[in-house]
Structure formats: C-alpha cells, structure tokens
Amino acid sequence: MRSLVLAAVCLVVVVAGCSAPSAQPSPAPTAASPVETADIASTTPPDGTLTPSVTDTETPTRTPTPVAATPVPLRAAAEPCDENLWIGFSDPQNSMGGWTQRSVRVSYTLPANTSIFLVAYVDGELAGTSFDADYGPGRYHVDGFGFDLDRSFTGPHLVQVVVYTDGNGNRRFDRGVDAPCLVDGEVAQAGPARLDYSQYGIGT
C-alpha cells in the first residue's frame, strides 16, 4: 500500500514538472537609436549667435586701405620771399589731359630776379624737383607747367608742390641749405591736396 502511495506522489510531481511553463527571460529594453549628425555642419558658435557658413568658392571682400599720410611740416624752416610769388595746381581734374601718373602740373608767378625750386612731395616723401629762375626786370607767369616725378603713382595720394629758394645759387636742390618760401605768413605751395592718380594717363 505504501508503495502505491509513493508511486502516485512521484507521478504527480513528474506531471506537475512537465506541465509548468518554462520561465522566459524578460527582454532587455532597447535604447533609442542616436540621431546621425556627422553630416550636419554646425554654424552656431558657443555664444549662440548664428553665423553663415562659408564655402571654398567664396572670395573675401578687401577694403582699400585709406591714405594716412600727412603734409610735410615746412613752416619752421621757411624764409620770407617776395610777396608776388604764387603757385597752385593746374587742372588737377585733368580736363585738358595734361596730367600723367608720373607728373605734377602747376601754375605759378615768379618775381623778378628770383630763382626757385619746385619740390613735389607725395604722401610726405620727396618725389621730384624742378628749377626755374627769372633774371629779368619784371615778374612772369607760367601756366600749366608739368615736371616728372621719380616714379609712377596710382590711386589716391596726398600731393604738395612747395617753392624753395636756391640758397647757395648752385641750381641743385639741397635739403639742408635751401629753404621753403614764406609769403604773407604762409608756406608758398600748391596743395596739400588728395589727388587720384588712377584718373591720369600712364604717360611716357
């Protein structure tokens, strides 16, 4: 009888073990796929302001550098000259076509028995000289006289043509000897004026 009871118990245990559902592991939660950003070019700097992206084909705009030259200081070394001495630029707009990129043109009045140098400065640098003299009894006027500079110029430049005395009479400009002319308390000069040499012809 005991054997039958044990056999029945074993049968129940075996049947229970076979019919019980097997435990299945819970699926692991899947993480959301990250957004692909490798192909997106960021144009937002750290401060949060948007800046346009620049491609390789864009050419940056260059801003012309303004001329910052100042006139040559001449008053301290100037000497009084005849009050009839006068000079000014001749047709700087070049309506008559006489200017070139390597010259200046001036009109001037030269008193009697006077010798002078016309000294051109461009952007504060010595750029050319010319000598003239009036050995007659009266003054004379020269209109539209041009003389060459040491080199050619293009674009805007600060130009002044100053009248100097020929201090030692050698007809050669000596910066340490010859002095600028002073007429009515002002240096005798054409300019200083800002002239655009790009509007003038190349010349020869």
N, C-alpha and C. Protein backbone atom coordinates (compact mmCIF):
# COMPACT_ATOMS: atom_id res chain seq x y z
N MET A 1 0.83 -1.19 0.00
CA MET A 1 0.00 0.00 0.00
C MET A 1 0.87 1.24 0.00
N ARG A 2 1.91 1.23 0.83
CA ARG A 2 2.84 2.37 0.88
C ARG A 2 3.50 2.56 -0.45
N SER A 3 3.78 1.50 -1.15
CA SER A 3 4.44 1.60 -2.46
C SER A 3 3.53 2.29 -3.45
N LEU A 4 2.26 2.00 -3.38
CA LEU A 4 1.31 2.64 -4.30
C LEU A 4 1.22 4.14 -4.03
N VAL A 5 1.20 4.50 -2.76
CA VAL A 5 1.13 5.94 -2.40
C VAL A 5 2.34 6.68 -2.91
N LEU A 6 3.56 6.10 -2.73
CA LEU A 6 4.79 6.75 -3.18
C LEU A 6 4.80 6.88 -4.70
N ALA A 7 4.32 5.85 -5.35
CA ALA A 7 4.29 5.90 -6.82
C ALA A 7 3.36 6.98 -7.31
N ALA A 8 2.22 7.13 -6.61
CA ALA A 8 1.26 8.17 -7.00
C ALA A 8 1.84 9.55 -6.81
N VAL A 9 2.54 9.73 -5.68
CA VAL A 9 3.16 11.04 -5.39
C VAL A 9 4.19 11.37 -6.46
N CYS A 10 5.01 10.41 -6.83
CA CYS A 10 6.06 10.65 -7.85
C CYS A 10 5.42 11.00 -9.18
N LEU A 11 4.32 10.32 -9.48
CA LEU A 11 3.66 10.60 -10.76
C LEU A 11 3.12 12.02 -10.79
N VAL A 12 2.55 12.44 -9.66
CA VAL A 12 2.03 13.83 -9.58
C VAL A 12 3.14 14.83 -9.77
N VAL A 13 4.29 14.56 -9.12
CA VAL A 13 5.43 15.50 -9.20
C VAL A 13 5.94 15.59 -10.62
N VAL A 14 6.04 14.42 -11.27
CA VAL A 14 6.56 14.41 -12.66
C VAL A 14 5.63 15.14 -13.59
N VAL A 15 4.30 14.89 -13.42
CA VAL A 15 3.32 15.56 -14.28
C VAL A 15 3.34 17.05 -14.07
N ALA A 16 3.45 17.47 -12.80
CA ALA A 16 3.48 18.91 -12.50
C ALA A 16 4.69 19.56 -13.11
N GLY A 17 5.84 18.85 -13.05
CA GLY A 17 7.07 19.44 -13.62
C GLY A 17 6.98 19.55 -15.11
N CYS A 18 6.31 18.64 -15.77
CA CYS A 18 6.23 18.68 -17.24
C CYS A 18 5.27 19.72 -17.71
N SER A 19 4.18 19.93 -16.95
CA SER A 19 3.14 20.86 -17.42
C SER A 19 3.42 22.30 -17.06
N ALA A 20 4.36 22.62 -16.15
CA ALA A 20 4.63 24.01 -15.72
C ALA A 20 5.32 24.77 -16.84
N PRO A 21 4.87 25.97 -17.16
CA PRO A 21 5.52 26.77 -18.24
C PRO A 21 6.92 27.15 -17.84
N SER A 22 7.77 27.06 -18.83
CA SER A 22 9.18 27.45 -18.54
C SER A 22 9.28 28.96 -18.44
N ALA A 23 10.12 29.41 -17.52
CA ALA A 23 10.31 30.86 -17.30
C ALA A 23 11.11 31.46 -18.45
N GLN A 24 10.59 32.51 -19.06
CA GLN A 24 11.28 33.19 -20.16
C GLN A 24 11.91 34.49 -19.64
N PRO A 25 13.16 34.74 -20.00
CA PRO A 25 13.79 36.00 -19.54
C PRO A 25 13.12 37.20 -20.16
N SER A 26 12.97 38.25 -19.35
CA SER A 26 12.35 39.49 -19.85
C SER A 26 13.29 40.15 -20.86
N PRO A 27 12.75 40.57 -21.97
CA PRO A 27 13.62 41.23 -22.97
C PRO A 27 14.20 42.52 -22.43
N ALA A 28 15.47 42.74 -22.73
CA ALA A 28 16.13 43.98 -22.26
C ALA A 28 15.59 45.16 -23.04
N PRO A 29 15.35 46.24 -22.35
CA PRO A 29 14.83 47.43 -23.06
C PRO A 29 15.84 47.89 -24.09
N THR A 30 15.33 48.27 -25.26
CA THR A 30 16.22 48.73 -26.33
C THR A 30 16.35 50.23 -26.25
N ALA A 31 17.59 50.71 -26.43
CA ALA A 31 17.84 52.16 -26.39
C ALA A 31 17.48 52.76 -27.73
N ALA A 32 16.98 53.96 -27.69
CA ALA A 32 16.63 54.65 -28.93
C ALA A 32 17.88 54.91 -29.74
N SER A 33 17.76 54.72 -31.05
CA SER A 33 18.91 54.93 -31.93
C SER A 33 19.30 56.40 -31.93
N PRO A 34 20.59 56.67 -31.81
CA PRO A 34 21.01 58.08 -31.81
C PRO A 34 20.81 58.71 -33.18
N VAL A 35 20.57 60.03 -33.19
CA VAL A 35 20.39 60.75 -34.46
C VAL A 35 21.75 60.96 -35.10
N GLU A 36 21.85 60.62 -36.37
CA GLU A 36 23.12 60.78 -37.07
C GLU A 36 23.34 62.26 -37.35
N THR A 37 24.46 62.81 -36.86
CA THR A 37 24.74 64.24 -37.03
C THR A 37 26.07 64.48 -37.71
N ALA A 38 26.69 63.39 -38.17
CA ALA A 38 28.03 63.56 -38.73
C ALA A 38 28.01 64.40 -39.98
N ASP A 39 26.87 64.38 -40.73
CA ASP A 39 26.82 65.10 -42.00
C ASP A 39 26.25 66.50 -41.85
N ILE A 40 25.98 66.95 -40.64
CA ILE A 40 25.39 68.27 -40.42
C ILE A 40 26.49 69.20 -39.94
N ALA A 41 26.74 70.28 -40.69
CA ALA A 41 27.79 71.24 -40.31
C ALA A 41 27.19 72.26 -39.36
N SER A 42 27.77 72.38 -38.21
CA SER A 42 27.27 73.33 -37.22
C SER A 42 27.79 74.72 -37.54
N THR A 43 26.88 75.71 -37.54
CA THR A 43 27.28 77.09 -37.74
C THR A 43 26.90 77.95 -36.55
N THR A 44 26.70 77.31 -35.41
CA THR A 44 26.35 78.05 -34.20
C THR A 44 27.54 78.10 -33.26
N PRO A 45 28.15 79.28 -33.06
CA PRO A 45 29.30 79.39 -32.16
C PRO A 45 28.87 79.25 -30.72
N PRO A 46 29.82 79.16 -29.79
CA PRO A 46 29.47 78.97 -28.37
C PRO A 46 28.57 80.04 -27.80
N ASP A 47 28.62 81.27 -28.37
CA ASP A 47 27.78 82.32 -27.78
C ASP A 47 26.33 82.25 -28.23
N GLY A 48 26.01 81.31 -29.14
CA GLY A 48 24.63 81.10 -29.53
C GLY A 48 24.19 81.90 -30.73
N THR A 49 25.04 82.80 -31.28
CA THR A 49 24.65 83.59 -32.43
C THR A 49 24.96 82.82 -33.69
N LEU A 50 24.06 82.90 -34.65
CA LEU A 50 24.22 82.17 -35.89
C LEU A 50 25.15 82.91 -36.83
N THR A 51 26.04 82.18 -37.46
CA THR A 51 26.93 82.77 -38.44
C THR A 51 26.82 81.99 -39.73
N PRO A 52 26.79 82.67 -40.88
CA PRO A 52 26.66 81.94 -42.14
C PRO A 52 27.89 81.12 -42.43
N SER A 53 27.67 79.92 -42.98
CA SER A 53 28.81 79.09 -43.35
C SER A 53 29.42 79.62 -44.63
N VAL A 54 30.74 79.44 -44.80
CA VAL A 54 31.47 79.94 -45.95
C VAL A 54 31.98 78.77 -46.75
N THR A 55 31.71 78.77 -48.04
CA THR A 55 32.20 77.69 -48.89
C THR A 55 33.55 78.06 -49.44
N ASP A 56 34.22 77.06 -50.01
CA ASP A 56 35.56 77.28 -50.54
C ASP A 56 35.58 78.21 -51.74
N THR A 57 34.42 78.41 -52.39
CA THR A 57 34.39 79.22 -53.60
C THR A 57 34.17 80.69 -53.32
N GLU A 58 33.86 81.06 -52.08
CA GLU A 58 33.62 82.46 -51.76
C GLU A 58 34.93 83.22 -51.66
N THR A 59 34.96 84.47 -52.16
CA THR A 59 36.14 85.32 -52.10
C THR A 59 35.90 86.45 -51.13
N PRO A 60 36.73 86.60 -50.10
CA PRO A 60 36.51 87.68 -49.14
C PRO A 60 36.66 89.04 -49.79
N THR A 61 35.87 90.00 -49.35
CA THR A 61 35.93 91.35 -49.88
C THR A 61 37.05 92.13 -49.19
N ARG A 62 37.90 92.74 -50.00
CA ARG A 62 39.01 93.52 -49.45
C ARG A 62 38.62 95.00 -49.41
N THR A 63 38.83 95.62 -48.27
CA THR A 63 38.55 97.04 -48.13
C THR A 63 39.82 97.82 -48.38
N PRO A 64 39.79 98.76 -49.35
CA PRO A 64 41.01 99.52 -49.63
C PRO A 64 41.51 100.26 -48.39
N THR A 65 42.80 100.24 -48.22
CA THR A 65 43.39 100.95 -47.09
C THR A 65 43.45 102.44 -47.38
N PRO A 66 42.85 103.26 -46.53
CA PRO A 66 42.89 104.69 -46.80
C PRO A 66 44.30 105.25 -46.67
N VAL A 67 44.55 106.34 -47.45
CA VAL A 67 45.84 107.01 -47.36
C VAL A 67 45.90 107.79 -46.05
N ALA A 68 46.91 107.51 -45.24
CA ALA A 68 47.01 108.12 -43.92
C ALA A 68 48.15 109.12 -43.84
N ALA A 69 48.69 109.56 -45.00
CA ALA A 69 49.83 110.47 -44.99
C ALA A 69 49.42 111.85 -44.51
N THR A 70 50.37 112.60 -43.98
CA THR A 70 50.15 113.96 -43.53
C THR A 70 51.08 114.89 -44.28
N PRO A 71 50.71 116.16 -44.45
CA PRO A 71 51.58 117.10 -45.16
C PRO A 71 52.94 117.24 -44.48
N VAL A 72 53.94 117.58 -45.28
CA VAL A 72 55.28 117.79 -44.73
C VAL A 72 55.28 119.10 -43.94
N PRO A 73 55.74 119.09 -42.68
CA PRO A 73 55.82 120.33 -41.91
C PRO A 73 56.98 121.18 -42.41
N LEU A 74 56.67 122.40 -42.87
CA LEU A 74 57.68 123.23 -43.52
C LEU A 74 57.85 124.61 -42.90
N ARG A 75 56.88 125.04 -42.12
CA ARG A 75 56.89 126.42 -41.65
C ARG A 75 58.14 126.76 -40.83
N ALA A 76 58.59 125.83 -39.99
CA ALA A 76 59.72 126.12 -39.09
C ALA A 76 60.99 126.48 -39.85
N ALA A 77 61.18 125.89 -41.03
CA ALA A 77 62.41 126.14 -41.80
C ALA A 77 62.22 127.18 -42.89
N ALA A 78 61.01 127.72 -43.04
CA ALA A 78 60.71 128.62 -44.15
C ALA A 78 61.34 129.99 -43.96
N GLU A 79 61.62 130.65 -45.10
CA GLU A 79 62.18 132.00 -45.11
C GLU A 79 61.27 132.92 -45.92
N PRO A 80 61.15 134.19 -45.52
CA PRO A 80 60.30 135.12 -46.27
C PRO A 80 60.78 135.30 -47.71
N CYS A 81 59.83 135.32 -48.63
CA CYS A 81 60.12 135.53 -50.05
C CYS A 81 59.27 136.69 -50.57
N ASP A 82 59.52 137.07 -51.82
CA ASP A 82 58.79 138.18 -52.44
C ASP A 82 57.29 137.92 -52.40
N GLU A 83 56.53 138.94 -52.06
CA GLU A 83 55.08 138.79 -51.92
C GLU A 83 54.38 138.51 -53.25
N ASN A 84 55.07 138.73 -54.37
CA ASN A 84 54.48 138.45 -55.68
C ASN A 84 54.61 136.98 -56.08
N LEU A 85 55.29 136.20 -55.28
CA LEU A 85 55.44 134.77 -55.58
C LEU A 85 54.11 134.05 -55.31
N TRP A 86 53.70 133.22 -56.26
CA TRP A 86 52.45 132.47 -56.11
C TRP A 86 52.56 131.15 -56.85
N ILE A 87 51.83 130.11 -56.35
CA ILE A 87 51.80 128.80 -57.02
C ILE A 87 50.49 128.09 -56.70
N GLY A 88 50.02 127.28 -57.62
CA GLY A 88 48.82 126.47 -57.42
C GLY A 88 48.79 125.33 -58.43
N PHE A 89 47.99 124.29 -58.14
CA PHE A 89 47.86 123.18 -59.08
C PHE A 89 47.15 123.66 -60.35
N SER A 90 47.55 123.09 -61.48
CA SER A 90 46.93 123.41 -62.76
C SER A 90 46.06 122.25 -63.22
N ASP A 91 44.75 122.48 -63.27
CA ASP A 91 43.79 121.49 -63.79
C ASP A 91 43.96 120.11 -63.16
N PRO A 92 43.87 119.99 -61.83
CA PRO A 92 44.05 118.67 -61.20
C PRO A 92 42.97 117.66 -61.60
N GLN A 93 41.82 118.13 -62.11
CA GLN A 93 40.79 117.20 -62.60
C GLN A 93 41.17 116.63 -63.97
N ASN A 94 42.23 117.16 -64.56
CA ASN A 94 42.78 116.67 -65.83
C ASN A 94 41.79 116.80 -66.98
N SER A 95 41.02 117.88 -66.98
CA SER A 95 40.07 118.10 -68.07
C SER A 95 40.78 118.38 -69.39
N MET A 96 42.02 118.88 -69.31
CA MET A 96 42.81 119.17 -70.51
C MET A 96 43.73 118.00 -70.88
N GLY A 97 43.80 116.98 -70.03
CA GLY A 97 44.58 115.79 -70.35
C GLY A 97 46.08 115.93 -70.20
N GLY A 98 46.55 116.90 -69.43
CA GLY A 98 47.98 117.10 -69.30
C GLY A 98 48.66 116.31 -68.20
N TRP A 99 47.89 115.80 -67.24
CA TRP A 99 48.47 115.05 -66.13
C TRP A 99 48.79 113.62 -66.56
N THR A 100 49.83 113.06 -65.94
CA THR A 100 50.14 111.64 -66.10
C THR A 100 50.37 111.04 -64.72
N GLN A 101 50.51 109.74 -64.67
CA GLN A 101 50.74 109.06 -63.39
C GLN A 101 52.17 109.25 -62.89
N ARG A 102 52.98 109.97 -63.65
CA ARG A 102 54.35 110.23 -63.21
C ARG A 102 54.69 111.72 -63.32
N SER A 103 53.72 112.58 -63.05
CA SER A 103 53.99 114.01 -63.16
C SER A 103 53.05 114.81 -62.27
N VAL A 104 53.39 116.07 -62.10
CA VAL A 104 52.50 117.06 -61.49
C VAL A 104 52.46 118.26 -62.42
N ARG A 105 51.39 119.03 -62.34
CA ARG A 105 51.26 120.24 -63.16
C ARG A 105 50.86 121.39 -62.26
N VAL A 106 51.58 122.50 -62.39
CA VAL A 106 51.33 123.67 -61.57
C VAL A 106 51.36 124.92 -62.43
N SER A 107 50.73 125.96 -61.93
CA SER A 107 50.86 127.31 -62.48
C SER A 107 51.48 128.16 -61.39
N TYR A 108 52.34 129.09 -61.77
CA TYR A 108 53.00 129.91 -60.75
C TYR A 108 53.42 131.26 -61.33
N THR A 109 53.60 132.20 -60.43
CA THR A 109 54.10 133.53 -60.77
C THR A 109 55.45 133.71 -60.11
N LEU A 110 56.46 134.08 -60.91
CA LEU A 110 57.83 134.20 -60.41
C LEU A 110 58.25 135.67 -60.44
N PRO A 111 58.60 136.23 -59.29
CA PRO A 111 59.04 137.63 -59.25
C PRO A 111 60.36 137.84 -60.00
N ALA A 112 60.67 139.10 -60.27
CA ALA A 112 61.92 139.43 -60.96
C ALA A 112 63.13 139.06 -60.11
N ASN A 113 64.19 138.70 -60.81
CA ASN A 113 65.47 138.41 -60.16
C ASN A 113 65.32 137.37 -59.04
N THR A 114 64.65 136.29 -59.38
CA THR A 114 64.38 135.24 -58.39
C THR A 114 64.66 133.87 -59.00
N SER A 115 65.29 133.01 -58.24
CA SER A 115 65.48 131.61 -58.66
C SER A 115 64.87 130.70 -57.60
N ILE A 116 64.17 129.67 -58.07
CA ILE A 116 63.41 128.81 -57.15
C ILE A 116 63.53 127.35 -57.55
N PHE A 117 63.15 126.49 -56.61
CA PHE A 117 62.93 125.07 -56.89
C PHE A 117 61.45 124.77 -56.64
N LEU A 118 60.87 124.00 -57.53
CA LEU A 118 59.55 123.42 -57.29
C LEU A 118 59.79 122.00 -56.80
N VAL A 119 59.38 121.74 -55.57
CA VAL A 119 59.68 120.45 -54.93
C VAL A 119 58.36 119.73 -54.66
N ALA A 120 58.22 118.56 -55.27
CA ALA A 120 56.98 117.77 -55.12
C ALA A 120 57.15 116.74 -54.01
N TYR A 121 56.14 116.68 -53.15
CA TYR A 121 56.06 115.64 -52.12
C TYR A 121 54.79 114.82 -52.38
N VAL A 122 54.92 113.50 -52.31
CA VAL A 122 53.77 112.60 -52.43
C VAL A 122 53.71 111.75 -51.17
N ASP A 123 52.61 111.87 -50.44
CA ASP A 123 52.44 111.16 -49.17
C ASP A 123 53.58 111.46 -48.21
N GLY A 124 54.04 112.70 -48.21
CA GLY A 124 55.08 113.13 -47.28
C GLY A 124 56.49 112.79 -47.69
N GLU A 125 56.67 112.16 -48.86
CA GLU A 125 58.00 111.77 -49.32
C GLU A 125 58.40 112.61 -50.54
N LEU A 126 59.68 113.02 -50.59
CA LEU A 126 60.19 113.76 -51.73
C LEU A 126 60.03 112.92 -53.00
N ALA A 127 59.39 113.51 -54.03
CA ALA A 127 59.08 112.73 -55.22
C ALA A 127 59.59 113.36 -56.51
N GLY A 128 60.10 114.59 -56.48
CA GLY A 128 60.59 115.21 -57.70
C GLY A 128 60.88 116.69 -57.50
N THR A 129 61.78 117.25 -58.31
CA THR A 129 62.14 118.67 -58.22
C THR A 129 62.29 119.25 -59.62
N SER A 130 62.13 120.58 -59.70
CA SER A 130 62.37 121.30 -60.94
C SER A 130 62.88 122.70 -60.59
N PHE A 131 63.81 123.22 -61.40
CA PHE A 131 64.41 124.53 -61.15
C PHE A 131 63.89 125.55 -62.16
N ASP A 132 63.69 126.78 -61.69
CA ASP A 132 63.33 127.88 -62.59
C ASP A 132 63.90 129.17 -62.03
N ALA A 133 64.14 130.13 -62.92
CA ALA A 133 64.71 131.41 -62.50
C ALA A 133 64.21 132.52 -63.41
N ASP A 134 64.03 133.69 -62.85
CA ASP A 134 63.66 134.89 -63.61
C ASP A 134 64.74 135.94 -63.36
N TYR A 135 65.59 136.13 -64.37
CA TYR A 135 66.68 137.09 -64.22
C TYR A 135 66.36 138.43 -64.88
N GLY A 136 65.11 138.57 -65.34
CA GLY A 136 64.72 139.82 -65.99
C GLY A 136 64.25 140.86 -64.99
N PRO A 137 63.86 142.02 -65.51
CA PRO A 137 63.45 143.12 -64.64
C PRO A 137 62.04 142.99 -64.08
N GLY A 138 61.22 142.14 -64.68
CA GLY A 138 59.83 142.02 -64.21
C GLY A 138 59.44 140.58 -63.92
N ARG A 139 58.34 140.42 -63.25
CA ARG A 139 57.86 139.08 -62.93
C ARG A 139 57.21 138.46 -64.17
N TYR A 140 57.09 137.13 -64.16
CA TYR A 140 56.37 136.47 -65.24
C TYR A 140 55.56 135.32 -64.68
N HIS A 141 54.54 134.92 -65.47
CA HIS A 141 53.60 133.89 -65.03
C HIS A 141 53.72 132.67 -65.93
N VAL A 142 53.72 131.49 -65.32
CA VAL A 142 53.79 130.22 -66.04
C VAL A 142 52.48 129.48 -65.78
N ASP A 143 51.82 129.05 -66.84
CA ASP A 143 50.53 128.37 -66.70
C ASP A 143 50.64 126.93 -67.18
N GLY A 144 50.27 125.99 -66.32
CA GLY A 144 50.24 124.57 -66.70
C GLY A 144 51.61 123.97 -66.93
N PHE A 145 52.55 124.26 -66.04
CA PHE A 145 53.89 123.69 -66.17
C PHE A 145 53.91 122.31 -65.51
N GLY A 146 54.40 121.30 -66.24
CA GLY A 146 54.48 119.95 -65.69
C GLY A 146 55.91 119.48 -65.58
N PHE A 147 56.20 118.72 -64.54
CA PHE A 147 57.52 118.10 -64.42
C PHE A 147 57.37 116.70 -63.86
N ASP A 148 58.34 115.86 -64.20
CA ASP A 148 58.26 114.44 -63.87
C ASP A 148 58.58 114.16 -62.41
N LEU A 149 57.94 113.10 -61.91
CA LEU A 149 58.23 112.58 -60.58
C LEU A 149 59.22 111.43 -60.69
N ASP A 150 59.72 110.99 -59.54
CA ASP A 150 60.72 109.91 -59.53
C ASP A 150 60.13 108.57 -59.93
N ARG A 151 58.83 108.40 -59.77
CA ARG A 151 58.18 107.14 -60.13
C ARG A 151 56.71 107.39 -60.42
N SER A 152 56.03 106.38 -60.92
CA SER A 152 54.60 106.49 -61.23
C SER A 152 53.76 106.20 -59.99
N PHE A 153 52.55 106.76 -59.98
CA PHE A 153 51.62 106.55 -58.87
C PHE A 153 50.24 106.19 -59.43
N THR A 154 49.49 105.41 -58.67
CA THR A 154 48.10 105.11 -58.98
C THR A 154 47.29 105.23 -57.70
N GLY A 155 45.99 105.50 -57.86
CA GLY A 155 45.14 105.62 -56.68
C GLY A 155 45.30 106.98 -56.02
N PRO A 156 44.62 107.19 -54.88
CA PRO A 156 44.67 108.48 -54.19
C PRO A 156 45.98 108.68 -53.43
N HIS A 157 46.52 109.89 -53.52
CA HIS A 157 47.75 110.24 -52.81
C HIS A 157 47.67 111.70 -52.37
N LEU A 158 48.36 112.00 -51.28
CA LEU A 158 48.44 113.37 -50.79
C LEU A 158 49.63 114.05 -51.46
N VAL A 159 49.35 115.10 -52.24
CA VAL A 159 50.37 115.74 -53.07
C VAL A 159 50.50 117.21 -52.69
N GLN A 160 51.74 117.69 -52.63
CA GLN A 160 52.01 119.11 -52.43
C GLN A 160 53.28 119.47 -53.20
N VAL A 161 53.26 120.64 -53.83
CA VAL A 161 54.43 121.15 -54.56
C VAL A 161 54.84 122.45 -53.88
N VAL A 162 56.01 122.45 -53.29
CA VAL A 162 56.47 123.56 -52.45
C VAL A 162 57.54 124.36 -53.19
N VAL A 163 57.49 125.68 -53.03
CA VAL A 163 58.50 126.56 -53.61
C VAL A 163 59.64 126.73 -52.61
N TYR A 164 60.87 126.42 -53.05
CA TYR A 164 62.08 126.59 -52.24
C TYR A 164 62.98 127.64 -52.88
N THR A 165 63.72 128.33 -52.06
CA THR A 165 64.76 129.23 -52.57
C THR A 165 65.99 128.42 -52.96
N ASP A 166 66.79 128.98 -53.86
CA ASP A 166 68.09 128.36 -54.19
C ASP A 166 69.12 129.06 -53.32
N GLY A 167 69.25 128.57 -52.09
CA GLY A 167 70.02 129.28 -51.08
C GLY A 167 71.46 129.55 -51.44
N ASN A 168 72.14 128.62 -52.08
CA ASN A 168 73.56 128.80 -52.42
C ASN A 168 73.78 129.06 -53.91
N GLY A 169 72.68 129.20 -54.67
CA GLY A 169 72.80 129.56 -56.08
C GLY A 169 73.42 128.51 -56.98
N ASN A 170 73.41 127.25 -56.61
CA ASN A 170 74.06 126.22 -57.43
C ASN A 170 73.09 125.48 -58.35
N ARG A 171 71.82 125.87 -58.36
CA ARG A 171 70.80 125.27 -59.21
C ARG A 171 70.60 123.77 -58.92
N ARG A 172 70.99 123.36 -57.76
CA ARG A 172 70.80 121.97 -57.34
C ARG A 172 70.09 121.99 -55.99
N PHE A 173 69.03 121.21 -55.87
CA PHE A 173 68.25 121.24 -54.64
C PHE A 173 69.01 120.57 -53.50
N ASP A 174 69.28 121.35 -52.46
CA ASP A 174 69.97 120.87 -51.27
C ASP A 174 69.03 121.03 -50.08
N ARG A 175 68.54 119.93 -49.55
CA ARG A 175 67.53 119.99 -48.49
C ARG A 175 68.07 120.64 -47.23
N GLY A 176 69.34 120.53 -46.97
CA GLY A 176 69.88 121.14 -45.77
C GLY A 176 70.22 122.61 -45.91
N VAL A 177 70.18 123.12 -47.15
CA VAL A 177 70.56 124.51 -47.40
C VAL A 177 69.38 125.33 -47.90
N ASP A 178 68.68 124.83 -48.90
CA ASP A 178 67.55 125.54 -49.50
C ASP A 178 66.34 125.49 -48.57
N ALA A 179 65.62 126.61 -48.49
CA ALA A 179 64.51 126.72 -47.54
C ALA A 179 63.20 126.96 -48.27
N PRO A 180 62.08 126.50 -47.70
CA PRO A 180 60.77 126.80 -48.28
C PRO A 180 60.50 128.30 -48.23
N CYS A 181 59.74 128.79 -49.20
CA CYS A 181 59.38 130.21 -49.24
C CYS A 181 58.16 130.48 -48.37
N LEU A 182 58.20 131.59 -47.68
CA LEU A 182 57.10 132.03 -46.84
C LEU A 182 56.56 133.33 -47.42
N VAL A 183 55.28 133.35 -47.79
CA VAL A 183 54.63 134.53 -48.37
C VAL A 183 53.41 134.87 -47.55
N ASP A 184 53.38 136.08 -47.01
CA ASP A 184 52.27 136.52 -46.16
C ASP A 184 52.01 135.55 -45.00
N GLY A 185 53.09 135.02 -44.44
CA GLY A 185 52.98 134.14 -43.29
C GLY A 185 52.62 132.71 -43.60
N GLU A 186 52.47 132.37 -44.89
CA GLU A 186 52.12 131.01 -45.28
C GLU A 186 53.18 130.44 -46.21
N VAL A 187 53.40 129.12 -46.10
CA VAL A 187 54.33 128.45 -47.00
C VAL A 187 53.78 128.50 -48.42
N ALA A 188 54.62 128.92 -49.37
CA ALA A 188 54.21 129.00 -50.77
C ALA A 188 54.19 127.58 -51.36
N GLN A 189 53.00 127.06 -51.60
CA GLN A 189 52.88 125.70 -52.10
C GLN A 189 51.55 125.48 -52.79
N ALA A 190 51.52 124.51 -53.69
CA ALA A 190 50.27 124.02 -54.27
C ALA A 190 49.84 122.82 -53.44
N GLY A 191 48.63 122.86 -52.92
CA GLY A 191 48.18 121.81 -52.02
C GLY A 191 48.44 122.18 -50.56
N PRO A 192 48.54 121.17 -49.69
CA PRO A 192 48.41 119.74 -50.00
C PRO A 192 46.98 119.38 -50.42
N ALA A 193 46.89 118.48 -51.39
CA ALA A 193 45.61 118.03 -51.92
C ALA A 193 45.66 116.53 -52.16
N ARG A 194 44.51 115.88 -51.99
CA ARG A 194 44.43 114.44 -52.24
C ARG A 194 43.99 114.24 -53.70
N LEU A 195 44.92 113.73 -54.50
CA LEU A 195 44.67 113.55 -55.92
C LEU A 195 44.63 112.07 -56.26
N ASP A 196 43.71 111.70 -57.15
CA ASP A 196 43.57 110.31 -57.57
C ASP A 196 44.34 110.11 -58.87
N TYR A 197 45.50 109.50 -58.78
CA TYR A 197 46.35 109.32 -59.96
C TYR A 197 45.82 108.24 -60.91
N SER A 198 44.82 107.49 -60.48
CA SER A 198 44.25 106.49 -61.38
C SER A 198 43.49 107.13 -62.54
N GLN A 199 43.09 108.39 -62.39
CA GLN A 199 42.35 109.07 -63.45
C GLN A 199 43.27 109.68 -64.50
N TYR A 200 44.59 109.62 -64.28
CA TYR A 200 45.53 110.21 -65.21
C TYR A 200 46.10 109.15 -66.15
N GLY A 201 46.61 109.61 -67.28
CA GLY A 201 47.20 108.70 -68.23
C GLY A 201 48.54 108.16 -67.75
N ILE A 202 48.97 107.06 -68.36
CA ILE A 202 50.24 106.45 -67.97
C ILE A 202 51.41 107.34 -68.34
N GLY A 203 51.34 108.01 -69.47
CA GLY A 203 52.43 108.88 -69.90
C GLY A 203 53.58 108.08 -70.49
N THR A 204 54.67 108.77 -70.72
CA THR A 204 55.84 108.11 -71.31
C THR A 204 57.05 108.27 -70.42
